[in-house]
Amino acid sequence: MAEEREPASVIRVRVSPRASRNRILPGENGAFKVRLTAPAVENRANRALIQLLAKKLGIAKGRVEIVSGGRSRQKSVKVYGLSPEEVRQRLLPG
């Protein structure tokens, strides 16, 4: 993974697998609601989550890591190289 000395942000997400389309929405208490088309089997939803977040944030997939909740809908995700403000601005523009 990335060097620990570089800036990193931890975000909380609530994942809803098998949605009609991939979306990131504002959630409660600073968390994000993430709807994924991938099912929650064979780690597909986790891989889809990392791919979607990396794409929206404009960073490599290797800079996004699920740090807790790998088998739960509630997850903590670490994003390397971006401040919390940058993450929020890129995920929820406008």
N, C-alpha and C. Protein backbone atom coordinates (compact mmCIF):
# COMPACT_ATOMS: atom_id res chain seq x y z
N MET A 1 0.83 -1.18 0.00
CA MET A 1 0.00 0.00 0.00
C MET A 1 0.87 1.24 0.00
N ALA A 2 0.26 2.38 0.03
CA ALA A 2 0.96 3.66 -0.05
C ALA A 2 1.73 3.93 1.25
N GLU A 3 2.69 4.82 1.16
CA GLU A 3 3.47 5.22 2.32
C GLU A 3 2.58 5.85 3.38
N GLU A 4 2.83 5.54 4.64
CA GLU A 4 2.02 6.08 5.73
C GLU A 4 2.27 7.57 5.95
N ARG A 5 3.39 8.12 5.46
CA ARG A 5 3.69 9.53 5.69
C ARG A 5 2.86 10.45 4.81
N GLU A 6 2.36 9.96 3.71
CA GLU A 6 1.56 10.84 2.85
C GLU A 6 0.17 11.01 3.44
N PRO A 7 -0.51 12.11 3.06
CA PRO A 7 -1.84 12.33 3.63
C PRO A 7 -2.80 11.21 3.25
N ALA A 8 -3.69 10.92 4.17
CA ALA A 8 -4.71 9.90 3.92
C ALA A 8 -5.98 10.32 4.63
N SER A 9 -7.10 9.93 4.06
CA SER A 9 -8.40 10.22 4.64
C SER A 9 -9.14 8.91 4.83
N VAL A 10 -9.92 8.83 5.88
CA VAL A 10 -10.78 7.67 6.09
C VAL A 10 -12.22 8.15 5.96
N ILE A 11 -12.96 7.49 5.08
CA ILE A 11 -14.37 7.84 4.89
C ILE A 11 -15.23 6.65 5.28
N ARG A 12 -16.43 6.94 5.71
CA ARG A 12 -17.38 5.88 6.05
C ARG A 12 -18.40 5.77 4.91
N VAL A 13 -18.69 4.55 4.51
CA VAL A 13 -19.67 4.33 3.44
C VAL A 13 -20.66 3.25 3.86
N ARG A 14 -21.86 3.36 3.35
CA ARG A 14 -22.89 2.31 3.48
C ARG A 14 -23.18 1.84 2.07
N VAL A 15 -22.90 0.58 1.81
CA VAL A 15 -23.01 0.01 0.47
C VAL A 15 -24.35 -0.69 0.29
N SER A 16 -24.96 -0.44 -0.86
CA SER A 16 -26.18 -1.15 -1.26
C SER A 16 -25.87 -1.89 -2.56
N PRO A 17 -25.62 -3.21 -2.49
CA PRO A 17 -25.32 -3.98 -3.70
C PRO A 17 -26.57 -4.24 -4.52
N ARG A 18 -26.37 -4.68 -5.74
CA ARG A 18 -27.43 -5.03 -6.69
C ARG A 18 -28.38 -3.87 -6.98
N ALA A 19 -27.84 -2.66 -7.06
CA ALA A 19 -28.65 -1.49 -7.41
C ALA A 19 -28.78 -1.42 -8.93
N SER A 20 -29.65 -0.54 -9.40
CA SER A 20 -29.85 -0.43 -10.85
C SER A 20 -28.68 0.27 -11.54
N ARG A 21 -27.96 1.12 -10.78
CA ARG A 21 -26.76 1.77 -11.34
C ARG A 21 -25.83 2.18 -10.20
N ASN A 22 -24.58 2.41 -10.54
CA ASN A 22 -23.58 2.84 -9.56
C ASN A 22 -23.77 4.32 -9.25
N ARG A 23 -23.85 4.66 -7.96
CA ARG A 23 -24.03 6.05 -7.55
C ARG A 23 -23.40 6.27 -6.19
N ILE A 24 -22.95 7.51 -5.97
CA ILE A 24 -22.46 7.92 -4.66
C ILE A 24 -23.34 9.08 -4.22
N LEU A 25 -23.93 8.95 -3.03
CA LEU A 25 -24.85 9.95 -2.51
C LEU A 25 -24.41 10.38 -1.11
N PRO A 26 -24.82 11.57 -0.69
CA PRO A 26 -24.52 11.95 0.70
C PRO A 26 -25.32 11.09 1.66
N GLY A 27 -24.71 10.73 2.76
CA GLY A 27 -25.39 9.91 3.76
C GLY A 27 -25.53 10.68 5.06
N GLU A 28 -25.78 9.97 6.12
CA GLU A 28 -25.94 10.58 7.43
C GLU A 28 -24.61 10.71 8.16
N ASN A 29 -24.49 11.78 8.96
CA ASN A 29 -23.31 12.00 9.81
C ASN A 29 -21.99 11.99 9.04
N GLY A 30 -21.97 12.57 7.86
CA GLY A 30 -20.74 12.67 7.08
C GLY A 30 -20.35 11.43 6.30
N ALA A 31 -21.17 10.40 6.37
CA ALA A 31 -20.89 9.17 5.61
C ALA A 31 -21.43 9.32 4.18
N PHE A 32 -21.13 8.33 3.35
CA PHE A 32 -21.62 8.31 1.97
C PHE A 32 -22.47 7.07 1.77
N LYS A 33 -23.51 7.19 0.97
CA LYS A 33 -24.29 6.03 0.53
C LYS A 33 -23.76 5.68 -0.84
N VAL A 34 -23.39 4.43 -1.04
CA VAL A 34 -22.86 3.99 -2.33
C VAL A 34 -23.73 2.86 -2.84
N ARG A 35 -24.34 3.08 -3.97
CA ARG A 35 -25.16 2.05 -4.62
C ARG A 35 -24.31 1.41 -5.71
N LEU A 36 -24.25 0.08 -5.72
CA LEU A 36 -23.42 -0.66 -6.66
C LEU A 36 -24.26 -1.69 -7.41
N THR A 37 -23.98 -1.85 -8.68
CA THR A 37 -24.69 -2.87 -9.47
C THR A 37 -24.17 -4.27 -9.14
N ALA A 38 -22.96 -4.36 -8.62
CA ALA A 38 -22.34 -5.66 -8.32
C ALA A 38 -23.04 -6.33 -7.14
N PRO A 39 -23.14 -7.66 -7.18
CA PRO A 39 -23.72 -8.38 -6.04
C PRO A 39 -22.69 -8.53 -4.92
N ALA A 40 -23.16 -8.80 -3.73
CA ALA A 40 -22.28 -8.97 -2.57
C ALA A 40 -21.82 -10.42 -2.44
N VAL A 41 -21.32 -10.99 -3.51
CA VAL A 41 -20.80 -12.36 -3.49
C VAL A 41 -19.40 -12.35 -4.08
N GLU A 42 -18.56 -13.25 -3.56
CA GLU A 42 -17.19 -13.42 -4.07
C GLU A 42 -16.42 -12.11 -4.14
N ASN A 43 -16.68 -11.20 -3.16
CA ASN A 43 -15.93 -9.94 -3.05
C ASN A 43 -16.19 -8.97 -4.21
N ARG A 44 -17.20 -9.24 -5.03
CA ARG A 44 -17.46 -8.39 -6.20
C ARG A 44 -17.86 -6.97 -5.80
N ALA A 45 -18.70 -6.83 -4.78
CA ALA A 45 -19.13 -5.49 -4.37
C ALA A 45 -17.95 -4.68 -3.83
N ASN A 46 -17.05 -5.30 -3.09
CA ASN A 46 -15.87 -4.59 -2.58
C ASN A 46 -14.98 -4.11 -3.72
N ARG A 47 -14.76 -4.97 -4.71
CA ARG A 47 -13.94 -4.58 -5.87
C ARG A 47 -14.62 -3.45 -6.64
N ALA A 48 -15.93 -3.53 -6.80
CA ALA A 48 -16.67 -2.48 -7.51
C ALA A 48 -16.62 -1.17 -6.74
N LEU A 49 -16.68 -1.25 -5.40
CA LEU A 49 -16.59 -0.05 -4.57
C LEU A 49 -15.25 0.64 -4.75
N ILE A 50 -14.17 -0.12 -4.69
CA ILE A 50 -12.83 0.45 -4.88
C ILE A 50 -12.70 1.07 -6.26
N GLN A 51 -13.18 0.38 -7.28
CA GLN A 51 -13.09 0.89 -8.65
C GLN A 51 -13.89 2.19 -8.80
N LEU A 52 -15.11 2.23 -8.27
CA LEU A 52 -15.95 3.42 -8.38
C LEU A 52 -15.34 4.60 -7.64
N LEU A 53 -14.87 4.39 -6.41
CA LEU A 53 -14.27 5.48 -5.65
C LEU A 53 -13.02 6.00 -6.34
N ALA A 54 -12.17 5.11 -6.82
CA ALA A 54 -10.93 5.53 -7.49
C ALA A 54 -11.25 6.36 -8.73
N LYS A 55 -12.24 5.93 -9.50
CA LYS A 55 -12.61 6.66 -10.71
C LYS A 55 -13.14 8.05 -10.36
N LYS A 56 -14.06 8.13 -9.39
CA LYS A 56 -14.64 9.42 -9.00
C LYS A 56 -13.60 10.36 -8.40
N LEU A 57 -12.63 9.79 -7.68
CA LEU A 57 -11.60 10.61 -7.04
C LEU A 57 -10.45 10.95 -7.98
N GLY A 58 -10.37 10.26 -9.11
CA GLY A 58 -9.29 10.51 -10.06
C GLY A 58 -7.94 9.99 -9.59
N ILE A 59 -7.95 8.87 -8.89
CA ILE A 59 -6.71 8.27 -8.40
C ILE A 59 -6.67 6.80 -8.78
N ALA A 60 -5.51 6.18 -8.59
CA ALA A 60 -5.35 4.75 -8.89
C ALA A 60 -6.10 3.90 -7.88
N LYS A 61 -6.56 2.73 -8.30
CA LYS A 61 -7.28 1.81 -7.41
C LYS A 61 -6.43 1.40 -6.21
N GLY A 62 -5.13 1.35 -6.39
CA GLY A 62 -4.23 0.96 -5.30
C GLY A 62 -4.15 1.99 -4.19
N ARG A 63 -4.71 3.16 -4.41
CA ARG A 63 -4.70 4.22 -3.41
C ARG A 63 -6.00 4.26 -2.61
N VAL A 64 -6.84 3.25 -2.81
CA VAL A 64 -8.11 3.12 -2.08
C VAL A 64 -8.09 1.76 -1.40
N GLU A 65 -8.34 1.74 -0.09
CA GLU A 65 -8.25 0.50 0.67
C GLU A 65 -9.41 0.40 1.66
N ILE A 66 -10.09 -0.73 1.67
CA ILE A 66 -11.14 -0.98 2.66
C ILE A 66 -10.42 -1.41 3.93
N VAL A 67 -10.55 -0.60 4.99
CA VAL A 67 -9.83 -0.89 6.23
C VAL A 67 -10.69 -1.60 7.26
N SER A 68 -12.02 -1.50 7.16
CA SER A 68 -12.89 -2.27 8.04
C SER A 68 -14.24 -2.46 7.37
N GLY A 69 -14.93 -3.52 7.76
CA GLY A 69 -16.25 -3.78 7.21
C GLY A 69 -16.24 -4.53 5.89
N GLY A 70 -15.21 -5.29 5.63
CA GLY A 70 -15.08 -6.01 4.37
C GLY A 70 -16.26 -6.94 4.07
N ARG A 71 -16.93 -7.43 5.12
CA ARG A 71 -18.06 -8.33 4.92
C ARG A 71 -19.37 -7.71 5.41
N SER A 72 -19.38 -6.38 5.53
CA SER A 72 -20.54 -5.66 6.04
C SER A 72 -20.96 -4.58 5.05
N ARG A 73 -22.17 -4.08 5.20
CA ARG A 73 -22.61 -2.95 4.37
C ARG A 73 -21.94 -1.65 4.83
N GLN A 74 -21.64 -1.56 6.13
CA GLN A 74 -20.97 -0.38 6.69
C GLN A 74 -19.46 -0.61 6.58
N LYS A 75 -18.77 0.29 5.89
CA LYS A 75 -17.34 0.12 5.67
C LYS A 75 -16.59 1.40 5.98
N SER A 76 -15.33 1.25 6.35
CA SER A 76 -14.41 2.38 6.44
C SER A 76 -13.39 2.20 5.32
N VAL A 77 -13.20 3.25 4.56
CA VAL A 77 -12.32 3.19 3.40
C VAL A 77 -11.25 4.26 3.55
N LYS A 78 -9.98 3.86 3.39
CA LYS A 78 -8.86 4.80 3.46
C LYS A 78 -8.48 5.21 2.05
N VAL A 79 -8.34 6.52 1.86
CA VAL A 79 -7.96 7.09 0.57
C VAL A 79 -6.63 7.79 0.77
N TYR A 80 -5.60 7.32 0.06
CA TYR A 80 -4.26 7.88 0.19
C TYR A 80 -4.06 9.05 -0.76
N GLY A 81 -3.40 10.10 -0.25
CA GLY A 81 -2.99 11.22 -1.09
C GLY A 81 -3.99 12.36 -1.18
N LEU A 82 -5.15 12.25 -0.50
CA LEU A 82 -6.15 13.31 -0.55
C LEU A 82 -6.60 13.66 0.86
N SER A 83 -6.85 14.95 1.08
CA SER A 83 -7.38 15.39 2.37
C SER A 83 -8.87 15.08 2.44
N PRO A 84 -9.46 15.08 3.63
CA PRO A 84 -10.91 14.85 3.73
C PRO A 84 -11.74 15.84 2.90
N GLU A 85 -11.30 17.09 2.84
CA GLU A 85 -12.03 18.09 2.06
C GLU A 85 -11.98 17.78 0.56
N GLU A 86 -10.79 17.36 0.09
CA GLU A 86 -10.66 17.00 -1.33
C GLU A 86 -11.53 15.80 -1.67
N VAL A 87 -11.58 14.82 -0.79
CA VAL A 87 -12.40 13.63 -1.02
C VAL A 87 -13.87 14.04 -1.15
N ARG A 88 -14.36 14.82 -0.19
CA ARG A 88 -15.76 15.25 -0.20
C ARG A 88 -16.08 16.05 -1.46
N GLN A 89 -15.21 16.96 -1.86
CA GLN A 89 -15.44 17.79 -3.05
C GLN A 89 -15.48 16.94 -4.31
N ARG A 90 -14.64 15.93 -4.40
CA ARG A 90 -14.60 15.10 -5.61
C ARG A 90 -15.74 14.10 -5.67
N LEU A 91 -16.18 13.61 -4.50
CA LEU A 91 -17.27 12.64 -4.51
C LEU A 91 -18.65 13.30 -4.62
N LEU A 92 -18.79 14.50 -4.09
CA LEU A 92 -20.08 15.19 -4.12
C LEU A 92 -19.91 16.59 -4.70
N PRO A 93 -19.63 16.69 -6.02
CA PRO A 93 -19.46 18.01 -6.61
C PRO A 93 -20.76 18.80 -6.59
N GLY A 94 -20.61 20.12 -6.50
CA GLY A 94 -21.81 20.98 -6.56
C GLY A 94 -22.21 21.36 -5.25
